Every structure is written in structure tokens, then in C-alpha cells.
């Protein structure tokens, strides 16, 4: 399908080609779609195109290299980051462009595009990807730009973050669990004494 001689659809996104961009014997509708194909081809991820028919999204809009510089702000990072230690950061992005198994394949193979991505896990129904990366080698803003460069620009709403309900602390859940466990065991240990008390107060008739 992708390699026909009279191709009039973009190899990446499937949209009609008005001004052809030729690369690697394939036709693209714009430089953006060609760039994504080039990245995937270089990383050995062209299986992306075999999983679904025309899986990519149109990238005619130029990606601004400074668009995610606001993610360098420590205050903003604290609102987005789920976990961080000395060597790695965990973060979840909402990706509205996610729509098929090709997207899942590509997003869970981000480490093959950038080795500083440790892992990436997709929540397909929620259109989210959770990425673990080495923040000493890859800045958060660069990670967002990486996702944008392959057609999955993160949707980040600081207004939503500011008004998001605070999560119930996991430590409190653990504490409640331990307290419940201890309470149940104390009750079990008390049963023999309780039953003995009943026997003394109400001796057997027979």
C-alpha cells in the first residue's frame, strides 16, 4: 500500500499530497511527516507503518523548539512529576493524538529513539503515557519535544493542574491497613479470655 508507484497519499499520515516531498523512495505531504519517518527509520521502528493503515498524524505545523521551555521551571515540574530520585524521573503525559496500536508500539519503544528514556508504558483508554527517564541526561522539556517530534505532542494544562483535587496520600492507606490488621489480631487474641469470662459468669447447667 505504501510503496505504490502512483502514490497520491502521504506515506506517514495518509492525507492527500498537494506538494510532494520525496524521501527514501516514498512520498510525503510535508517536511514534518518526512522527518517523523526519518526518525523511525533510523531507530528501526518502521514496523509502526505495518500495524495500521496510515497510522501517523499530519505534521505540517512546524514544531517550535522553545514551546516546552516552561517545563524547566521547578515549580511547574513539581506539579507534573510523579516521582523523582537522584537518577530518574517518572511523569505521565496526556497525548490526544493516540488512536491505534501503532501509537502504542511507537510510544512503548521511545527508548530506541532516545537511550536516556528508561521505559515508557501506555494507558491506551486514557490516552496517557508514563515515561521513566534519566533527568541527568534528558531534560523534561526535551522529552516533551521528543514526543512532539514523532507526532505525539503532550497536552499540558497548568490550569487543570492547579485545580486538580489532591490525591489521597498512599501512606495513609498503608497506615489504615496496618491498623486494621493489628485490630483484627488483637480481637482474635482476646476471644479466649472473653469466652473464659462467660464460662465463669454462666457455669454449665449440666
N, C-alpha and C. Protein backbone atom coordinates (compact mmCIF):
# COMPACT_ATOMS: atom_id res chain seq x y z
N UNK A 1 0.83 -1.20 0.00
CA UNK A 1 0.00 0.00 0.00
C UNK A 1 0.87 1.26 0.00
N UNK A 2 1.95 1.24 0.78
CA UNK A 2 2.76 2.44 0.95
C UNK A 2 3.75 2.65 -0.19
N UNK A 3 4.00 1.63 -0.99
CA UNK A 3 5.09 1.72 -1.97
C UNK A 3 4.60 1.74 -3.41
N UNK A 4 3.31 2.03 -3.63
CA UNK A 4 2.79 2.06 -4.99
C UNK A 4 3.42 3.21 -5.76
N UNK A 5 3.61 3.01 -7.07
CA UNK A 5 4.30 4.00 -7.91
C UNK A 5 3.50 5.29 -8.01
N UNK A 6 2.18 5.19 -8.15
CA UNK A 6 1.33 6.37 -8.32
C UNK A 6 0.75 6.83 -6.99
N UNK A 7 1.55 6.83 -5.98
CA UNK A 7 1.08 7.19 -4.65
C UNK A 7 0.68 8.66 -4.61
N UNK A 8 -0.55 8.94 -4.15
CA UNK A 8 -1.03 10.31 -4.01
C UNK A 8 -1.33 10.63 -2.55
N UNK A 9 -1.12 9.66 -1.67
CA UNK A 9 -1.32 9.87 -0.24
C UNK A 9 0.02 9.88 0.48
N UNK A 10 0.07 10.65 1.55
CA UNK A 10 1.30 10.73 2.34
C UNK A 10 1.60 9.38 2.97
N UNK A 11 2.81 8.92 2.85
CA UNK A 11 3.21 7.63 3.41
C UNK A 11 3.03 7.59 4.92
N UNK A 12 3.19 8.74 5.58
CA UNK A 12 3.10 8.77 7.04
C UNK A 12 1.68 8.95 7.54
N UNK A 13 0.98 9.99 7.09
CA UNK A 13 -0.33 10.31 7.67
C UNK A 13 -1.50 9.92 6.79
N UNK A 14 -1.25 9.61 5.50
CA UNK A 14 -2.32 9.18 4.61
C UNK A 14 -3.11 10.30 3.97
N UNK A 15 -2.79 11.56 4.30
CA UNK A 15 -3.52 12.67 3.70
C UNK A 15 -3.06 12.91 2.26
N UNK A 16 -3.93 13.57 1.50
CA UNK A 16 -3.63 13.83 0.09
C UNK A 16 -2.39 14.70 -0.04
N UNK A 17 -1.52 14.31 -0.97
CA UNK A 17 -0.28 15.05 -1.19
C UNK A 17 -0.53 16.15 -2.21
N UNK A 18 -0.36 17.41 -1.78
CA UNK A 18 -0.52 18.55 -2.68
C UNK A 18 0.83 19.00 -3.22
N UNK A 19 1.79 19.11 -2.33
CA UNK A 19 3.17 19.42 -2.72
C UNK A 19 4.04 18.27 -2.24
N UNK A 20 4.48 17.46 -3.18
CA UNK A 20 5.17 16.22 -2.82
C UNK A 20 6.55 16.48 -2.24
N UNK A 21 6.86 15.74 -1.17
CA UNK A 21 8.20 15.71 -0.59
C UNK A 21 8.68 14.27 -0.71
N UNK A 22 9.71 14.07 -1.50
CA UNK A 22 10.20 12.72 -1.75
C UNK A 22 11.40 12.41 -0.85
N UNK A 23 11.38 11.20 -0.29
CA UNK A 23 12.49 10.77 0.56
C UNK A 23 12.47 9.24 0.65
N UNK A 24 13.61 8.63 0.47
CA UNK A 24 13.74 7.18 0.60
C UNK A 24 12.72 6.44 -0.28
N UNK A 25 12.52 6.98 -1.50
CA UNK A 25 11.58 6.41 -2.48
C UNK A 25 10.14 6.40 -1.99
N UNK A 26 9.81 7.32 -1.11
CA UNK A 26 8.45 7.45 -0.59
C UNK A 26 8.02 8.90 -0.71
N UNK A 27 6.69 9.10 -0.72
CA UNK A 27 6.13 10.43 -0.89
C UNK A 27 5.46 10.89 0.40
N UNK A 28 5.75 12.13 0.77
CA UNK A 28 5.18 12.72 1.99
C UNK A 28 4.52 14.04 1.65
N UNK A 29 3.55 14.42 2.50
CA UNK A 29 2.81 15.66 2.23
C UNK A 29 3.54 16.89 2.75
N UNK A 30 4.51 16.69 3.66
CA UNK A 30 5.21 17.83 4.25
C UNK A 30 6.53 17.37 4.85
N UNK A 31 7.35 18.35 5.20
CA UNK A 31 8.64 18.04 5.82
C UNK A 31 8.47 17.38 7.19
N UNK A 32 7.38 17.76 7.89
CA UNK A 32 7.14 17.18 9.22
C UNK A 32 6.94 15.69 9.16
N UNK A 33 6.09 15.22 8.24
CA UNK A 33 5.83 13.79 8.10
C UNK A 33 7.09 13.05 7.66
N UNK A 34 7.85 13.69 6.77
CA UNK A 34 9.11 13.09 6.33
C UNK A 34 10.09 12.95 7.49
N UNK A 35 10.13 13.96 8.36
CA UNK A 35 11.04 13.94 9.50
C UNK A 35 10.70 12.81 10.47
N UNK A 36 9.39 12.60 10.71
CA UNK A 36 8.99 11.51 11.61
C UNK A 36 9.41 10.17 11.01
N UNK A 37 9.15 9.98 9.72
CA UNK A 37 9.56 8.73 9.07
C UNK A 37 11.06 8.54 9.20
N UNK A 38 11.82 9.61 9.01
CA UNK A 38 13.28 9.53 9.09
C UNK A 38 13.73 9.08 10.48
N UNK A 39 13.09 9.63 11.53
CA UNK A 39 13.43 9.26 12.91
C UNK A 39 13.12 7.78 13.16
N UNK A 40 11.94 7.34 12.71
CA UNK A 40 11.53 5.95 12.93
C UNK A 40 12.41 4.99 12.14
N UNK A 41 12.73 5.38 10.92
CA UNK A 41 13.57 4.53 10.07
C UNK A 41 14.96 4.38 10.68
N UNK A 42 15.51 5.47 11.19
CA UNK A 42 16.84 5.45 11.79
C UNK A 42 16.86 4.60 13.06
N UNK A 43 15.73 4.57 13.77
CA UNK A 43 15.65 3.82 15.03
C UNK A 43 15.14 2.39 14.84
N UNK A 44 14.91 1.99 13.59
CA UNK A 44 14.43 0.64 13.32
C UNK A 44 13.00 0.41 13.78
N UNK A 45 12.17 1.44 13.68
CA UNK A 45 10.80 1.35 14.17
C UNK A 45 9.76 1.47 13.05
N UNK A 46 10.13 1.12 11.83
CA UNK A 46 9.19 1.25 10.73
C UNK A 46 8.09 0.19 10.76
N UNK A 47 8.15 -0.74 11.71
CA UNK A 47 7.03 -1.66 11.93
C UNK A 47 5.77 -0.86 12.27
N UNK A 48 5.97 0.34 12.74
CA UNK A 48 4.89 1.28 13.03
C UNK A 48 3.91 1.38 11.87
N UNK A 49 4.43 1.39 10.64
CA UNK A 49 3.59 1.56 9.46
C UNK A 49 2.88 0.27 9.03
N UNK A 50 3.32 -0.86 9.55
CA UNK A 50 2.71 -2.13 9.17
C UNK A 50 1.55 -2.54 10.07
N UNK A 51 1.48 -1.95 11.26
CA UNK A 51 0.46 -2.36 12.23
C UNK A 51 -0.92 -1.80 11.89
N UNK A 52 -0.96 -0.61 11.30
CA UNK A 52 -2.23 0.01 10.92
C UNK A 52 -2.06 0.78 9.62
N UNK A 53 -3.18 1.00 8.95
CA UNK A 53 -3.15 1.74 7.71
C UNK A 53 -3.08 3.23 8.01
N UNK A 54 -2.02 3.89 7.53
CA UNK A 54 -1.80 5.32 7.73
C UNK A 54 -1.95 5.72 9.20
N UNK A 55 -1.08 5.24 10.04
CA UNK A 55 -1.22 5.47 11.49
C UNK A 55 -0.82 6.85 11.97
N UNK A 56 0.00 7.57 11.20
CA UNK A 56 0.53 8.83 11.68
C UNK A 56 -0.45 9.99 11.60
N UNK A 57 -0.11 11.08 12.28
CA UNK A 57 -0.90 12.32 12.22
C UNK A 57 -0.15 13.35 11.39
N UNK A 58 -0.90 14.23 10.76
CA UNK A 58 -0.31 15.25 9.90
C UNK A 58 0.54 16.21 10.71
N UNK A 59 1.76 16.50 10.21
CA UNK A 59 2.69 17.36 10.95
C UNK A 59 3.12 18.57 10.13
N UNK A 60 2.18 19.13 9.39
CA UNK A 60 2.51 20.31 8.59
C UNK A 60 2.86 21.51 9.46
N UNK A 61 2.28 21.54 10.68
CA UNK A 61 2.60 22.64 11.59
C UNK A 61 3.99 22.44 12.17
N UNK A 62 4.83 23.44 12.01
CA UNK A 62 6.22 23.34 12.46
C UNK A 62 6.31 23.27 13.97
N UNK A 63 7.18 22.40 14.46
CA UNK A 63 7.37 22.24 15.90
C UNK A 63 8.30 23.33 16.41
N UNK A 64 7.84 24.11 17.37
CA UNK A 64 8.66 25.16 17.97
C UNK A 64 9.61 24.55 19.00
N UNK A 65 10.88 24.82 18.84
CA UNK A 65 11.88 24.24 19.74
C UNK A 65 11.80 24.84 21.15
N UNK A 66 11.18 26.03 21.28
CA UNK A 66 11.10 26.68 22.58
C UNK A 66 9.74 26.49 23.26
N UNK A 67 8.87 25.69 22.67
CA UNK A 67 7.49 25.59 23.18
C UNK A 67 7.42 25.04 24.59
N UNK A 68 8.33 24.15 24.94
CA UNK A 68 8.26 23.48 26.25
C UNK A 68 9.31 23.97 27.24
N UNK A 69 9.87 25.15 26.98
CA UNK A 69 10.87 25.69 27.90
C UNK A 69 10.28 25.95 29.29
N UNK A 70 8.96 26.16 29.35
CA UNK A 70 8.33 26.42 30.66
C UNK A 70 8.46 25.21 31.59
N UNK A 71 8.75 24.03 31.01
CA UNK A 71 8.91 22.84 31.83
C UNK A 71 10.23 22.82 32.60
N UNK A 72 11.07 23.81 32.35
CA UNK A 72 12.32 23.93 33.11
C UNK A 72 12.07 24.60 34.47
N UNK A 73 10.89 25.17 34.64
CA UNK A 73 10.55 25.82 35.90
C UNK A 73 10.31 24.75 36.97
N UNK A 74 11.03 24.84 38.08
CA UNK A 74 10.96 23.82 39.14
C UNK A 74 9.56 23.73 39.76
N UNK A 75 8.89 24.86 39.87
CA UNK A 75 7.54 24.86 40.45
C UNK A 75 6.57 24.09 39.57
N UNK A 76 6.69 24.30 38.27
CA UNK A 76 5.83 23.57 37.32
C UNK A 76 6.18 22.09 37.34
N UNK A 77 7.46 21.78 37.40
CA UNK A 77 7.88 20.38 37.43
C UNK A 77 7.27 19.64 38.62
N UNK A 78 7.22 20.30 39.77
CA UNK A 78 6.68 19.67 40.97
C UNK A 78 5.21 19.31 40.80
N UNK A 79 4.49 20.06 39.96
CA UNK A 79 3.08 19.79 39.72
C UNK A 79 2.87 18.63 38.75
N UNK A 80 3.89 18.36 37.94
CA UNK A 80 3.76 17.34 36.89
C UNK A 80 4.40 16.01 37.27
N UNK A 81 5.56 16.07 37.92
CA UNK A 81 6.34 14.86 38.20
C UNK A 81 5.68 14.01 39.27
N UNK A 82 5.64 12.71 39.02
CA UNK A 82 5.04 11.77 39.98
C UNK A 82 6.07 11.22 40.96
N UNK A 83 7.29 11.05 40.49
CA UNK A 83 8.37 10.52 41.34
C UNK A 83 9.70 10.95 40.77
N UNK A 84 10.64 11.21 41.68
CA UNK A 84 11.99 11.58 41.24
C UNK A 84 12.99 11.22 42.32
N UNK A 85 14.11 10.64 41.90
CA UNK A 85 15.22 10.42 42.82
C UNK A 85 16.48 10.99 42.18
N UNK A 86 17.64 10.55 42.59
CA UNK A 86 18.89 11.15 42.11
C UNK A 86 19.14 10.87 40.64
N UNK A 87 18.55 9.82 40.09
CA UNK A 87 18.90 9.43 38.72
C UNK A 87 17.73 9.36 37.74
N UNK A 88 16.51 9.29 38.23
CA UNK A 88 15.40 9.13 37.28
C UNK A 88 14.15 9.89 37.71
N UNK A 89 13.34 10.19 36.72
CA UNK A 89 12.07 10.89 36.92
C UNK A 89 10.95 10.09 36.28
N UNK A 90 9.78 10.06 36.95
CA UNK A 90 8.58 9.42 36.41
C UNK A 90 7.55 10.51 36.13
N UNK A 91 6.99 10.51 34.93
CA UNK A 91 5.99 11.51 34.59
C UNK A 91 4.97 10.91 33.63
N UNK A 92 3.73 11.37 33.71
CA UNK A 92 2.66 10.91 32.82
C UNK A 92 2.18 12.08 31.97
N UNK A 93 2.13 11.86 30.66
CA UNK A 93 1.64 12.86 29.72
C UNK A 93 0.33 12.40 29.10
N UNK A 94 -0.57 13.34 28.87
CA UNK A 94 -1.79 13.07 28.11
C UNK A 94 -1.50 13.37 26.64
N UNK A 95 -1.75 12.38 25.76
CA UNK A 95 -1.45 12.51 24.34
C UNK A 95 -2.75 12.32 23.54
N UNK A 96 -3.43 13.40 23.19
CA UNK A 96 -4.72 13.29 22.50
C UNK A 96 -4.62 12.67 21.11
N UNK A 97 -3.41 12.62 20.51
CA UNK A 97 -3.25 12.06 19.17
C UNK A 97 -3.27 10.53 19.16
N UNK A 98 -3.16 9.91 20.30
CA UNK A 98 -3.10 8.45 20.39
C UNK A 98 -4.42 7.84 19.90
N UNK A 99 -4.34 6.89 18.93
CA UNK A 99 -5.59 6.37 18.39
C UNK A 99 -5.54 4.92 17.92
N UNK A 100 -4.37 4.30 17.89
CA UNK A 100 -4.32 2.93 17.37
C UNK A 100 -3.14 2.16 17.96
N UNK A 101 -3.03 0.89 17.58
CA UNK A 101 -1.96 0.04 18.11
C UNK A 101 -0.59 0.48 17.64
N UNK A 102 -0.52 1.16 16.50
CA UNK A 102 0.77 1.69 16.04
C UNK A 102 1.30 2.73 17.02
N UNK A 103 0.38 3.55 17.54
CA UNK A 103 0.76 4.55 18.53
C UNK A 103 1.34 3.88 19.77
N UNK A 104 0.66 2.84 20.22
CA UNK A 104 1.12 2.09 21.39
C UNK A 104 2.51 1.52 21.15
N UNK A 105 2.70 0.93 19.98
CA UNK A 105 4.01 0.33 19.62
C UNK A 105 5.11 1.38 19.67
N UNK A 106 4.87 2.52 19.05
CA UNK A 106 5.90 3.56 19.00
C UNK A 106 6.20 4.13 20.37
N UNK A 107 5.15 4.46 21.13
CA UNK A 107 5.34 5.11 22.42
C UNK A 107 6.01 4.20 23.44
N UNK A 108 5.79 2.91 23.32
CA UNK A 108 6.45 1.99 24.26
C UNK A 108 7.85 1.61 23.80
N UNK A 109 8.28 2.18 22.67
CA UNK A 109 9.64 1.97 22.19
C UNK A 109 10.43 3.27 22.11
N UNK A 110 10.05 4.24 22.91
CA UNK A 110 10.76 5.52 22.91
C UNK A 110 12.24 5.36 23.26
N UNK A 111 12.56 4.33 24.06
CA UNK A 111 13.95 4.11 24.45
C UNK A 111 14.85 3.79 23.26
N UNK A 112 14.23 3.32 22.17
CA UNK A 112 15.01 3.03 20.96
C UNK A 112 15.31 4.30 20.17
N UNK A 113 14.53 5.35 20.44
CA UNK A 113 14.78 6.64 19.79
C UNK A 113 15.76 7.46 20.61
N UNK A 114 15.58 7.43 21.93
CA UNK A 114 16.49 8.15 22.83
C UNK A 114 16.88 7.22 23.98
N UNK A 115 18.16 6.86 24.09
CA UNK A 115 18.58 5.90 25.12
C UNK A 115 18.43 6.39 26.55
N UNK A 116 18.18 7.68 26.73
CA UNK A 116 18.00 8.22 28.08
C UNK A 116 16.58 8.02 28.59
N UNK A 117 15.69 7.52 27.73
CA UNK A 117 14.37 7.08 28.16
C UNK A 117 14.53 5.66 28.69
N UNK A 118 14.25 5.46 29.96
CA UNK A 118 14.44 4.15 30.59
C UNK A 118 13.29 3.21 30.24
N UNK A 119 12.07 3.72 30.31
CA UNK A 119 10.90 2.91 29.95
C UNK A 119 9.73 3.83 29.67
N UNK A 120 8.73 3.31 28.96
CA UNK A 120 7.50 4.06 28.71
C UNK A 120 6.35 3.07 28.65
N UNK A 121 5.28 3.38 29.36
CA UNK A 121 4.12 2.49 29.44
C UNK A 121 2.86 3.27 29.09
N UNK A 122 2.06 2.70 28.17
CA UNK A 122 0.89 3.38 27.65
C UNK A 122 -0.38 2.92 28.37
N UNK A 123 -1.21 3.89 28.75
CA UNK A 123 -2.58 3.63 29.19
C UNK A 123 -3.46 4.05 28.03
N UNK A 124 -3.78 3.08 27.16
CA UNK A 124 -4.45 3.42 25.90
C UNK A 124 -5.83 4.05 26.10
N UNK A 125 -6.71 3.48 26.96
CA UNK A 125 -8.04 4.08 27.13
C UNK A 125 -7.98 5.54 27.59
N UNK A 126 -6.99 5.86 28.42
CA UNK A 126 -6.86 7.23 28.95
C UNK A 126 -6.02 8.12 28.04
N UNK A 127 -5.44 7.54 26.99
CA UNK A 127 -4.54 8.26 26.07
C UNK A 127 -3.38 8.90 26.84
N UNK A 128 -2.77 8.12 27.71
CA UNK A 128 -1.66 8.59 28.52
C UNK A 128 -0.44 7.70 28.35
N UNK A 129 0.72 8.29 28.50
CA UNK A 129 1.96 7.52 28.52
C UNK A 129 2.76 7.94 29.76
N UNK A 130 3.19 6.94 30.51
CA UNK A 130 4.04 7.19 31.68
C UNK A 130 5.48 6.88 31.29
N UNK A 131 6.33 7.88 31.41
CA UNK A 131 7.72 7.76 30.97
C UNK A 131 8.65 7.85 32.17
N UNK A 132 9.61 6.93 32.22
CA UNK A 132 10.69 6.97 33.20
C UNK A 132 11.96 7.33 32.43
N UNK A 133 12.62 8.40 32.83
CA UNK A 133 13.80 8.85 32.08
C UNK A 133 14.89 9.35 33.01
N UNK A 134 16.10 9.36 32.48
CA UNK A 134 17.27 9.84 33.22
C UNK A 134 17.33 11.36 33.07
N UNK A 135 16.91 12.07 34.12
CA UNK A 135 16.85 13.53 34.02
C UNK A 135 18.23 14.18 34.04
N UNK A 136 19.27 13.42 34.36
CA UNK A 136 20.63 13.96 34.31
C UNK A 136 21.12 14.09 32.87
N UNK A 137 20.51 13.32 31.97
CA UNK A 137 20.92 13.32 30.57
C UNK A 137 19.85 13.89 29.63
N UNK A 138 18.60 13.87 30.08
CA UNK A 138 17.49 14.31 29.23
C UNK A 138 16.57 15.23 30.04
N UNK A 139 16.51 16.49 29.64
CA UNK A 139 15.65 17.46 30.34
C UNK A 139 14.19 17.16 30.06
N UNK A 140 13.31 17.53 30.99
CA UNK A 140 11.89 17.31 30.82
C UNK A 140 11.36 18.01 29.57
N UNK A 141 11.85 19.22 29.30
CA UNK A 141 11.42 19.95 28.11
C UNK A 141 11.83 19.22 26.84
N UNK A 142 12.99 18.58 26.86
CA UNK A 142 13.47 17.84 25.68
C UNK A 142 12.66 16.56 25.48
N UNK A 143 12.20 15.96 26.57
CA UNK A 143 11.35 14.78 26.47
C UNK A 143 10.03 15.15 25.79
N UNK A 144 9.44 16.27 26.20
CA UNK A 144 8.20 16.73 25.58
C UNK A 144 8.40 17.04 24.10
N UNK A 145 9.55 17.62 23.78
CA UNK A 145 9.87 17.92 22.37
C UNK A 145 10.07 16.63 21.59
N UNK A 146 10.68 15.62 22.20
CA UNK A 146 10.86 14.32 21.55
C UNK A 146 9.51 13.72 21.17
N UNK A 147 8.56 13.74 22.10
CA UNK A 147 7.22 13.22 21.82
C UNK A 147 6.57 14.00 20.68
N UNK A 148 6.74 15.31 20.68
CA UNK A 148 6.16 16.14 19.62
C UNK A 148 6.79 15.82 18.27
N UNK A 149 8.08 15.53 18.27
CA UNK A 149 8.79 15.28 17.01
C UNK A 149 8.35 14.01 16.31
N UNK A 150 7.72 13.09 17.06
CA UNK A 150 7.22 11.86 16.43
C UNK A 150 5.68 11.88 16.33
N UNK A 151 5.10 13.06 16.50
CA UNK A 151 3.68 13.22 16.26
C UNK A 151 2.77 13.13 17.46
N UNK A 152 3.33 13.14 18.68
CA UNK A 152 2.51 13.00 19.89
C UNK A 152 2.82 14.13 20.85
N UNK A 153 2.37 15.32 20.51
CA UNK A 153 2.63 16.49 21.35
C UNK A 153 1.83 16.39 22.65
N UNK A 154 2.48 16.45 23.80
CA UNK A 154 1.76 16.35 25.07
C UNK A 154 0.82 17.54 25.27
N UNK A 155 -0.35 17.25 25.81
CA UNK A 155 -1.27 18.31 26.20
C UNK A 155 -1.05 18.57 27.68
N UNK A 156 -0.57 19.77 27.99
CA UNK A 156 -0.27 20.14 29.37
C UNK A 156 -1.06 21.38 29.73
N UNK A 157 -2.03 21.23 30.61
CA UNK A 157 -2.85 22.35 31.05
C UNK A 157 -2.50 22.69 32.50
N UNK A 158 -1.79 23.78 32.68
CA UNK A 158 -1.42 24.19 34.04
C UNK A 158 -2.65 24.61 34.83
N UNK A 159 -3.67 25.09 34.15
CA UNK A 159 -4.93 25.46 34.83
C UNK A 159 -5.56 24.22 35.44
N UNK A 160 -5.58 23.11 34.68
CA UNK A 160 -6.14 21.86 35.20
C UNK A 160 -5.34 21.35 36.39
N UNK A 161 -4.01 21.49 36.32
CA UNK A 161 -3.16 21.02 37.40
C UNK A 161 -3.41 21.81 38.68
N UNK A 162 -3.60 23.11 38.54
CA UNK A 162 -3.81 23.96 39.70
C UNK A 162 -5.14 23.67 40.39
N UNK A 163 -6.12 23.17 39.62
CA UNK A 163 -7.44 22.92 40.17
C UNK A 163 -7.71 21.44 40.37
N UNK A 164 -6.68 20.62 40.19
CA UNK A 164 -6.87 19.18 40.36
C UNK A 164 -7.01 18.86 41.84
N UNK A 165 -7.94 17.97 42.15
CA UNK A 165 -8.14 17.57 43.54
C UNK A 165 -6.90 16.84 44.04
N UNK A 166 -6.44 17.15 45.25
CA UNK A 166 -5.26 16.46 45.77
C UNK A 166 -5.52 14.98 45.93
N UNK A 167 -4.52 14.19 45.57
CA UNK A 167 -4.66 12.73 45.69
C UNK A 167 -4.62 12.31 47.15
N UNK A 168 -5.36 11.25 47.46
CA UNK A 168 -5.36 10.72 48.82
C UNK A 168 -4.00 10.10 49.09
N UNK A 169 -3.28 10.55 50.13
CA UNK A 169 -1.91 10.06 50.37
C UNK A 169 -1.86 8.55 50.53
N UNK A 170 -0.97 7.91 49.77
CA UNK A 170 -0.85 6.46 49.86
C UNK A 170 -0.38 6.02 51.25
N UNK A 171 0.41 6.84 51.91
CA UNK A 171 0.91 6.48 53.23
C UNK A 171 -0.24 6.28 54.22
N UNK A 172 -1.31 7.09 54.05
CA UNK A 172 -2.46 6.96 54.94
C UNK A 172 -3.19 5.64 54.70
N UNK A 173 -3.23 5.22 53.42
CA UNK A 173 -3.87 3.94 53.09
C UNK A 173 -3.10 2.80 53.76
N UNK A 174 -1.77 2.87 53.66
CA UNK A 174 -0.94 1.83 54.30
C UNK A 174 -1.15 1.82 55.82
N UNK A 175 -1.20 3.01 56.42
CA UNK A 175 -1.37 3.11 57.87
C UNK A 175 -2.72 2.53 58.30
N UNK A 176 -3.77 2.81 57.52
CA UNK A 176 -5.09 2.27 57.83
C UNK A 176 -5.09 0.75 57.73
N UNK A 177 -4.37 0.25 56.72
CA UNK A 177 -4.28 -1.20 56.54
C UNK A 177 -3.59 -1.87 57.71
N UNK A 178 -2.47 -1.29 58.14
CA UNK A 178 -1.73 -1.85 59.28
C UNK A 178 -2.57 -1.79 60.55
N UNK A 179 -3.27 -0.65 60.75
CA UNK A 179 -4.11 -0.51 61.95
C UNK A 179 -5.24 -1.53 61.95
N UNK A 180 -5.85 -1.76 60.78
CA UNK A 180 -6.92 -2.75 60.68
C UNK A 180 -6.43 -4.15 60.96
N UNK A 181 -5.23 -4.46 60.45
CA UNK A 181 -4.65 -5.77 60.66
C UNK A 181 -4.36 -5.99 62.15
N UNK A 182 -3.79 -4.98 62.80
CA UNK A 182 -3.46 -5.09 64.23
C UNK A 182 -4.74 -5.22 65.06
N UNK A 183 -5.77 -4.45 64.71
CA UNK A 183 -7.03 -4.51 65.45
C UNK A 183 -7.65 -5.90 65.36
N UNK A 184 -7.63 -6.49 64.16
CA UNK A 184 -8.21 -7.82 63.97
C UNK A 184 -7.47 -8.86 64.78
N UNK A 185 -6.13 -8.76 64.83
CA UNK A 185 -5.33 -9.72 65.59
C UNK A 185 -5.56 -9.58 67.09
N UNK A 186 -5.71 -8.35 67.58
CA UNK A 186 -5.99 -8.13 69.00
C UNK A 186 -7.32 -8.75 69.38
N UNK A 187 -8.31 -8.60 68.50
CA UNK A 187 -9.63 -9.18 68.75
C UNK A 187 -9.54 -10.71 68.84
N UNK A 188 -8.75 -11.32 67.93
CA UNK A 188 -8.60 -12.78 67.94
C UNK A 188 -7.94 -13.25 69.23
N UNK A 189 -6.91 -12.49 69.68
CA UNK A 189 -6.21 -12.86 70.91
C UNK A 189 -7.10 -12.69 72.14
N UNK A 190 -8.07 -11.80 72.05
CA UNK A 190 -8.94 -11.53 73.20
C UNK A 190 -10.07 -12.53 73.33
N UNK A 191 -10.40 -13.24 72.26
CA UNK A 191 -11.52 -14.17 72.30
C UNK A 191 -11.41 -15.22 73.41
N UNK A 192 -10.23 -15.88 73.60
CA UNK A 192 -10.15 -16.90 74.66
C UNK A 192 -10.48 -16.35 76.04
N UNK A 193 -9.93 -15.15 76.37
CA UNK A 193 -10.20 -14.55 77.66
C UNK A 193 -11.68 -14.18 77.78
N UNK A 194 -12.23 -13.66 76.68
CA UNK A 194 -13.64 -13.27 76.69
C UNK A 194 -14.54 -14.48 76.91
N UNK A 195 -14.23 -15.58 76.21
CA UNK A 195 -15.03 -16.79 76.35
C UNK A 195 -14.88 -17.40 77.75
N UNK A 196 -13.66 -17.30 78.34
CA UNK A 196 -13.43 -17.79 79.69
C UNK A 196 -14.24 -17.01 80.70
N UNK A 197 -14.35 -15.69 80.46
CA UNK A 197 -15.14 -14.85 81.35
C UNK A 197 -16.60 -15.26 81.33
N UNK A 198 -17.13 -15.58 80.16
CA UNK A 198 -18.52 -16.01 80.03
C UNK A 198 -18.75 -17.33 80.76
N UNK A 199 -17.77 -18.24 80.69
CA UNK A 199 -17.90 -19.55 81.34
C UNK A 199 -17.96 -19.39 82.85
N UNK A 200 -17.13 -18.45 83.41
CA UNK A 200 -17.12 -18.23 84.83
C UNK A 200 -18.42 -17.60 85.33
N UNK A 201 -18.96 -16.66 84.51
CA UNK A 201 -20.17 -15.97 84.92
C UNK A 201 -21.40 -16.84 84.76
N UNK A 202 -21.37 -17.70 83.75
CA UNK A 202 -22.53 -18.55 83.47
C UNK A 202 -22.04 -20.00 83.39
N UNK A 203 -21.85 -20.69 84.57
CA UNK A 203 -21.36 -22.06 84.54
C UNK A 203 -22.36 -22.99 83.84
N UNK A 204 -21.83 -24.06 83.34
CA UNK A 204 -22.69 -25.02 82.62
C UNK A 204 -23.75 -25.58 83.54
N UNK A 205 -24.97 -25.73 83.05
CA UNK A 205 -26.09 -26.24 83.84
C UNK A 205 -25.91 -27.73 84.10
N UNK A 206 -25.37 -28.40 83.11
CA UNK A 206 -25.23 -29.85 83.25
C UNK A 206 -23.85 -30.21 83.78
